C-alpha cells in the first residue's frame, strides 16, 4: 500500500533529538528561541513566536488582534476545521466565503462581498499555492496568512507569510516541515503583537490578571524543526519534481490537474474528477493506493449552510482527490499512482 502522506525524517533529525534529550533541557529554551529566529528570517518577518500547534497559533493570533465575543472572522469554506475551532474558542463568529475553483484559494470577489463588519480575515494558501494577498489587503482589515501548507512557497518575489499583519505556521508531522509531530508559530513584523502572543502562550512567572495558556513548544520539537527548516529547499524541489511527473503522465487523462508554476510547492497534488471523488478514492484503494479528500468536509456544511451559497466549494469537494506526494515518495511509486488513476478511469470510471 502506498500511503497518502508521511513525514520526511532522517539521521540529522534523530541526532538533533538525541542531543536535546542528553542535554536535559527538553522544555522551551534555547532551541525554541533559535527556531523562532530562523523561521522568521526564512519567511522575511521580524518576529516569530513558537507554540504547540497550528491551531494554537491561530487562536493566539486572533486573540492578539483583539478578536473576542461576537466579532466576525472571514475565512474560506474549503479548509480544515482548525479555523472554526480557533474562532469559536474566542466566542467569535465565522463568516464563510467561496473559493476560486481554479486555485482552491479564497475568492477575492466573494470575500469582498462578505467583508462588511468583519474584524479579521484568515487567508490559507491552499495546498501550497500562494494566494493573491494584495487583493485581501485592500479589504482594510487585519489579514492572517495561514501558511500551514505553504512554507517555502513564493510569489512575485515574496514568500507566503511575509505580508499579512500576522502569519501562522503548522509543523504537524505531514506538513512541509515537521517539528517532532506537532508545533506551530505566529509570525509578524509588529513587536507589540509578538509580545502579546508571547505573554499569552504561557503563565509561569506571569501575573494571573488575564486568561493565559500552556501553548509552549518544546526544545525537542524545535531542534527537529531547525533541521527540517534547513531542508525546505530540498523538500520543495522534490515535491515539484513529483508534481511535474504527475502532470506529464496524467496530461491526457480526463481529470482537472492543479495549476503549474505560480509559486506552487505542492503540499498536496489535487486532481478533480467532477462529482466522482469518492468513486476514484475507492478505486485507488483497491489498487493499494491511499488517496484522500483534501478537505474532510467544507465548513459551510459543518455550520448547516446550503451548498448553493458556496457552489465552487461544493464542486471541489465532490470531485477533488489528493494523490500521494511527499519527498520520500519514489518515482516508481508516483508512476504506480498515476498508472492506477489511468487504469481506474479507463476500466471503472468511464464517462456517462
Foldseek 3Di string as FASTA:
>chain_A
DAEQFFFDDDDQLVVLLVVCVVVVAWFDDDLQVVLQCVLCVQQVFDTKAKWWFLLLQLLLLCVLLVDAAAAEEEEEQQDACSNVVSQVVRNYHYDYFAPDLQQRWGDLVRCLVRLPRHQEYETENPQQFDDPVVSVVVSVHFYEYECQAHVQFDAPHHGRQNDTQKYKYWQARGHLHHQPHTMMMIGHRDPSSNVSSVPQCDPVPHDPPDHHHVTGDISSSSSSRVVSVVCSVVFLVLQLVLLVLLCVLCVPPPWAWHDPDNRGSRSWTKIFDWQCQVVLQVLVVVVVFHKDQPYPGGNCVVVVHDCVRHVSSVRCSRTIITGRTTNVQDPVNSVSRSVSSRVCCVPPVDDD
